[in-house]
PDB file of N, CA and C in Angstrom:
ATOM      1  N   MET A   1     210.573 144.250 190.191  1.00  0.00           N
ATOM      2  CA  MET A   1     211.412 145.325 190.679  1.00  0.00           C
ATOM      3  C   MET A   1     212.364 144.800 191.758  1.00  0.00           C
ATOM      4  N   ALA A   2     211.834 143.941 192.624  1.00  0.00           N
ATOM      5  CA  ALA A   2     212.672 143.394 193.694  1.00  0.00           C
ATOM      6  C   ALA A   2     213.798 142.535 193.124  1.00  0.00           C
ATOM      7  N   GLU A   3     213.484 141.775 192.082  1.00  0.00           N
ATOM      8  CA  GLU A   3     214.527 140.944 191.462  1.00  0.00           C
ATOM      9  C   GLU A   3     215.609 141.818 190.842  1.00  0.00           C
ATOM     10  N   LEU A   4     215.210 142.896 190.201  1.00  0.00           N
ATOM     11  CA  LEU A   4     216.171 143.822 189.597  1.00  0.00           C
ATOM     12  C   LEU A   4     217.058 144.445 190.671  1.00  0.00           C
ATOM     13  N   GLU A   5     216.468 144.861 191.767  1.00  0.00           N
ATOM     14  CA  GLU A   5     217.243 145.445 192.862  1.00  0.00           C
ATOM     15  C   GLU A   5     218.234 144.429 193.440  1.00  0.00           C
ATOM     16  N   ALA A   6     217.791 143.178 193.583  1.00  0.00           N
ATOM     17  CA  ALA A   6     218.669 142.138 194.109  1.00  0.00           C
ATOM     18  C   ALA A   6     219.842 141.880 193.167  1.00  0.00           C
ATOM     19  N   LEU A   7     219.586 141.913 191.864  1.00  0.00           N
ATOM     20  CA  LEU A   7     220.665 141.741 190.888  1.00  0.00           C
ATOM     21  C   LEU A   7     221.698 142.857 191.007  1.00  0.00           C
ATOM     22  N   VAL A   8     221.223 144.078 191.152  1.00  0.00           N
ATOM     23  CA  VAL A   8     222.137 145.223 191.266  1.00  0.00           C
ATOM     24  C   VAL A   8     223.000 145.092 192.511  1.00  0.00           C
ATOM     25  N   VAL A   9     222.391 144.728 193.618  1.00  0.00           N
ATOM     26  CA  VAL A   9     223.138 144.563 194.866  1.00  0.00           C
ATOM     27  C   VAL A   9     224.196 143.478 194.708  1.00  0.00           C
ATOM     28  N   ALA A  10     223.817 142.347 194.127  1.00  0.00           N
ATOM     29  CA  ALA A  10     224.756 141.239 193.945  1.00  0.00           C
ATOM     30  C   ALA A  10     225.908 141.642 193.021  1.00  0.00           C
ATOM     31  N   MET A  11     225.586 142.359 191.954  1.00  0.00           N
ATOM     32  CA  MET A  11     226.627 142.771 191.007  1.00  0.00           C
ATOM     33  C   MET A  11     227.573 143.800 191.630  1.00  0.00           C
ATOM     34  N   GLU A  12     227.007 144.710 192.412  1.00  0.00           N
ATOM     35  CA  GLU A  12     227.830 145.739 193.044  1.00  0.00           C
ATOM     36  C   GLU A  12     228.719 145.178 194.147  1.00  0.00           C
ATOM     37  N   ALA A  13     228.364 144.024 194.678  1.00  0.00           N
ATOM     38  CA  ALA A  13     229.154 143.426 195.748  1.00  0.00           C
ATOM     39  C   ALA A  13     230.531 142.993 195.248  1.00  0.00           C
ATOM     40  N   GLY A  14     230.663 142.784 193.941  1.00  0.00           N
ATOM     41  CA  GLY A  14     231.957 142.437 193.368  1.00  0.00           C
ATOM     42  C   GLY A  14     232.411 141.014 193.647  1.00  0.00           C
ATOM     43  N   GLN A  15     231.513 140.150 194.011  1.00  0.00           N
ATOM     44  CA  GLN A  15     231.861 138.780 194.377  1.00  0.00           C
ATOM     45  C   GLN A  15     231.467 137.773 193.292  1.00  0.00           C
ATOM     46  N   MET A  16     230.903 138.245 192.184  1.00  0.00           N
ATOM     47  CA  MET A  16     230.395 137.369 191.145  1.00  0.00           C
ATOM     48  C   MET A  16     231.469 137.097 190.091  1.00  0.00           C
ATOM     49  N   PRO A  17     231.522 135.877 189.584  1.00  0.00           N
ATOM     50  CA  PRO A  17     232.437 135.608 188.477  1.00  0.00           C
ATOM     51  C   PRO A  17     231.936 136.312 187.208  1.00  0.00           C
ATOM     52  N   LEU A  18     232.808 136.462 186.235  1.00  0.00           N
ATOM     53  CA  LEU A  18     232.470 137.185 185.008  1.00  0.00           C
ATOM     54  C   LEU A  18     231.237 136.604 184.326  1.00  0.00           C
ATOM     55  N   GLU A  19     231.158 135.296 184.234  1.00  0.00           N
ATOM     56  CA  GLU A  19     230.003 134.661 183.599  1.00  0.00           C
ATOM     57  C   GLU A  19     228.711 135.026 184.329  1.00  0.00           C
ATOM     58  N   GLY A  20     228.768 135.043 185.657  1.00  0.00           N
ATOM     59  CA  GLY A  20     227.609 135.428 186.447  1.00  0.00           C
ATOM     60  C   GLY A  20     227.228 136.884 186.231  1.00  0.00           C
ATOM     61  N   LEU A  21     228.221 137.735 186.091  1.00  0.00           N
ATOM     62  CA  LEU A  21     227.955 139.148 185.825  1.00  0.00           C
ATOM     63  C   LEU A  21     227.246 139.335 184.486  1.00  0.00           C
ATOM     64  N   LEU A  22     227.720 138.619 183.476  1.00  0.00           N
ATOM     65  CA  LEU A  22     227.096 138.737 182.158  1.00  0.00           C
ATOM     66  C   LEU A  22     225.658 138.236 182.169  1.00  0.00           C
ATOM     67  N   THR A  23     225.433 137.117 182.830  1.00  0.00           N
ATOM     68  CA  THR A  23     224.078 136.571 182.932  1.00  0.00           C
ATOM     69  C   THR A  23     223.177 137.533 183.701  1.00  0.00           C
ATOM     70  N   SER A  24     223.677 138.068 184.784  1.00  0.00           N
ATOM     71  CA  SER A  24     222.902 139.009 185.594  1.00  0.00           C
ATOM     72  C   SER A  24     222.619 140.294 184.829  1.00  0.00           C
ATOM     73  N   TYR A  25     223.585 140.748 184.053  1.00  0.00           N
ATOM     74  CA  TYR A  25     223.390 141.960 183.255  1.00  0.00           C
ATOM     75  C   TYR A  25     222.279 141.744 182.225  1.00  0.00           C
ATOM     76  N   ARG A  26     222.317 140.598 181.561  1.00  0.00           N
ATOM     77  CA  ARG A  26     221.269 140.296 180.572  1.00  0.00           C
ATOM     78  C   ARG A  26     219.897 140.239 181.228  1.00  0.00           C
ATOM     79  N   ARG A  27     219.807 139.563 182.354  1.00  0.00           N
ATOM     80  CA  ARG A  27     218.529 139.461 183.061  1.00  0.00           C
ATOM     81  C   ARG A  27     218.073 140.835 183.534  1.00  0.00           C
ATOM     82  N   GLY A  28     219.006 141.627 184.030  1.00  0.00           N
ATOM     83  CA  GLY A  28     218.671 142.981 184.458  1.00  0.00           C
ATOM     84  C   GLY A  28     218.132 143.825 183.321  1.00  0.00           C
ATOM     85  N   SER A  29     218.704 143.670 182.145  1.00  0.00           N
ATOM     86  CA  SER A  29     218.220 144.406 180.969  1.00  0.00           C
ATOM     87  C   SER A  29     216.792 143.998 180.620  1.00  0.00           C
ATOM     88  N   GLU A  30     216.510 142.691 180.702  1.00  0.00           N
ATOM     89  CA  GLU A  30     215.151 142.215 180.444  1.00  0.00           C
ATOM     90  C   GLU A  30     214.175 142.788 181.465  1.00  0.00           C
ATOM     91  N   LEU A  31     214.561 142.747 182.723  1.00  0.00           N
ATOM     92  CA  LEU A  31     213.682 143.258 183.779  1.00  0.00           C
ATOM     93  C   LEU A  31     213.464 144.761 183.644  1.00  0.00           C
ATOM     94  N   LEU A  32     214.501 145.482 183.274  1.00  0.00           N
ATOM     95  CA  LEU A  32     214.373 146.926 183.094  1.00  0.00           C
ATOM     96  C   LEU A  32     213.387 147.235 181.971  1.00  0.00           C
ATOM     97  N   GLY A  33     213.471 146.502 180.880  1.00  0.00           N
ATOM     98  CA  GLY A  33     212.522 146.684 179.781  1.00  0.00           C
ATOM     99  C   GLY A  33     211.095 146.411 180.218  1.00  0.00           C
ATOM    100  N   TYR A  34     210.914 145.344 181.003  1.00  0.00           N
ATOM    101  CA  TYR A  34     209.584 145.014 181.505  1.00  0.00           C
ATOM    102  C   TYR A  34     209.054 146.133 182.415  1.00  0.00           C
ATOM    103  N   CYS A  35     209.892 146.612 183.316  1.00  0.00           N
ATOM    104  CA  CYS A  35     209.475 147.683 184.229  1.00  0.00           C
ATOM    105  C   CYS A  35     209.120 148.948 183.459  1.00  0.00           C
ATOM    106  N   ARG A  36     209.896 149.266 182.442  1.00  0.00           N
ATOM    107  CA  ARG A  36     209.613 150.460 181.629  1.00  0.00           C
ATOM    108  C   ARG A  36     208.277 150.320 180.914  1.00  0.00           C
ATOM    109  N   SER A  37     207.982 149.136 180.362  1.00  0.00           N
ATOM    110  CA  SER A  37     206.714 148.956 179.662  1.00  0.00           C
ATOM    111  C   SER A  37     205.541 149.049 180.636  1.00  0.00           C
ATOM    112  N   CYS A  38     205.702 148.528 181.841  1.00  0.00           N
ATOM    113  CA  CYS A  38     204.655 148.658 182.861  1.00  0.00           C
ATOM    114  C   CYS A  38     204.436 150.115 183.233  1.00  0.00           C
ATOM    115  N   LEU A  39     205.514 150.841 183.391  1.00  0.00           N
ATOM    116  CA  LEU A  39     205.410 152.259 183.730  1.00  0.00           C
ATOM    117  C   LEU A  39     204.711 153.040 182.618  1.00  0.00           C
ATOM    118  N   GLU A  40     205.042 152.750 181.379  1.00  0.00           N
ATOM    119  CA  GLU A  40     204.389 153.429 180.264  1.00  0.00           C
ATOM    120  C   GLU A  40     202.890 153.141 180.241  1.00  0.00           C
ATOM    121  N   ALA A  41     202.504 151.897 180.534  1.00  0.00           N
ATOM    122  CA  ALA A  41     201.091 151.536 180.567  1.00  0.00           C
ATOM    123  C   ALA A  41     200.359 152.303 181.666  1.00  0.00           C
ATOM    124  N   VAL A  42     200.968 152.397 182.827  1.00  0.00           N
ATOM    125  CA  VAL A  42     200.344 153.136 183.932  1.00  0.00           C
ATOM    126  C   VAL A  42     200.261 154.623 183.598  1.00  0.00           C
ATOM    127  N   GLU A  43     201.308 155.172 182.994  1.00  0.00           N
ATOM    128  CA  GLU A  43     201.278 156.586 182.599  1.00  0.00           C
ATOM    129  C   GLU A  43     200.153 156.850 181.609  1.00  0.00           C
ATOM    130  N   GLN A  44     199.921 155.932 180.690  1.00  0.00           N
ATOM    131  CA  GLN A  44     198.828 156.092 179.733  1.00  0.00           C
ATOM    132  C   GLN A  44     197.479 156.068 180.437  1.00  0.00           C
ATOM    133  N   GLN A  45     197.321 155.183 181.412  1.00  0.00           N
ATOM    134  CA  GLN A  45     196.067 155.130 182.168  1.00  0.00           C
ATOM    135  C   GLN A  45     195.841 156.426 182.925  1.00  0.00           C
ATOM    136  N   VAL A  46     196.906 156.994 183.472  1.00  0.00           N
ATOM    137  CA  VAL A  46     196.787 158.264 184.197  1.00  0.00           C
ATOM    138  C   VAL A  46     196.367 159.372 183.243  1.00  0.00           C
ATOM    139  N   ARG A  47     196.917 159.369 182.037  1.00  0.00           N
ATOM    140  CA  ARG A  47     196.520 160.384 181.056  1.00  0.00           C
ATOM    141  C   ARG A  47     195.025 160.284 180.764  1.00  0.00           C
ATOM    142  N   VAL A  48     194.518 159.065 180.621  1.00  0.00           N
ATOM    143  CA  VAL A  48     193.091 158.867 180.367  1.00  0.00           C
ATOM    144  C   VAL A  48     192.286 159.391 181.547  1.00  0.00           C
ATOM    145  N   LEU A  49     192.708 159.066 182.760  1.00  0.00           N
ATOM    146  CA  LEU A  49     191.992 159.527 183.952  1.00  0.00           C
ATOM    147  C   LEU A  49     192.029 161.044 184.082  1.00  0.00           C
ATOM    148  N   GLU A  50     193.123 161.663 183.703  1.00  0.00           N
ATOM    149  CA  GLU A  50     193.238 163.111 183.833  1.00  0.00           C
ATOM    150  C   GLU A  50     192.278 163.844 182.902  1.00  0.00           C
ATOM    151  N   ASN A  51     191.833 163.178 181.846  1.00  0.00           N
ATOM    152  CA  ASN A  51     190.865 163.802 180.949  1.00  0.00           C
ATOM    153  C   ASN A  51     189.436 163.709 181.492  1.00  0.00           C
ATOM    154  N   GLY A  52     189.293 163.163 182.678  1.00  0.00           N
ATOM    155  CA  GLY A  52     188.001 163.145 183.327  1.00  0.00           C
ATOM    156  C   GLY A  52     187.161 161.914 183.088  1.00  0.00           C
ATOM    157  N   GLN A  53     187.616 161.012 182.217  1.00  0.00           N
ATOM    158  CA  GLN A  53     186.842 159.813 181.939  1.00  0.00           C
ATOM    159  C   GLN A  53     187.771 158.607 181.942  1.00  0.00           C
ATOM    160  N   LEU A  54     187.262 157.527 182.494  1.00  0.00           N
ATOM    161  CA  LEU A  54     187.997 156.259 182.443  1.00  0.00           C
ATOM    162  C   LEU A  54     187.553 155.535 181.184  1.00  0.00           C
ATOM    163  N   ARG A  55     188.461 155.366 180.274  1.00  0.00           N
ATOM    164  CA  ARG A  55     188.160 154.704 179.013  1.00  0.00           C
ATOM    165  C   ARG A  55     188.744 153.291 179.024  1.00  0.00           C
ATOM    166  N   PRO A  56     188.164 152.395 178.249  1.00  0.00           N
ATOM    167  CA  PRO A  56     188.722 151.042 178.177  1.00  0.00           C
ATOM    168  C   PRO A  56     190.158 151.076 177.669  1.00  0.00           C
ATOM    169  N   TRP A  57     190.967 150.203 178.241  1.00  0.00           N
ATOM    170  CA  TRP A  57     192.376 150.118 177.840  1.00  0.00           C
ATOM    171  C   TRP A  57     192.454 149.366 176.524  1.00  0.00           C
ATOM    172  N   PRO A  58     193.107 149.958 175.504  1.00  0.00           N
ATOM    173  CA  PRO A  58     193.206 149.248 174.213  1.00  0.00           C
ATOM    174  C   PRO A  58     194.069 147.998 174.348  1.00  0.00           C
ATOM    175  N   ALA A  59     193.661 146.959 173.663  1.00  0.00           N
ATOM    176  CA  ALA A  59     194.385 145.683 173.728  1.00  0.00           C
ATOM    177  C   ALA A  59     195.674 145.718 172.925  1.00  0.00           C
TER     178      ALA A  59
END
């Protein structure tokens, strides 16, 4: 998350060359996908906990 935030700050600063912007955008997209998958996993664990039982996480 910190790396993604740093990329956004650097890109918004407007000081990066076009090639750097494209590379940063690609990396940001990868990081965003990773963060979303982590969030989905945690949301699933919360759903299991809300049913009153902690069940093993499926592999």
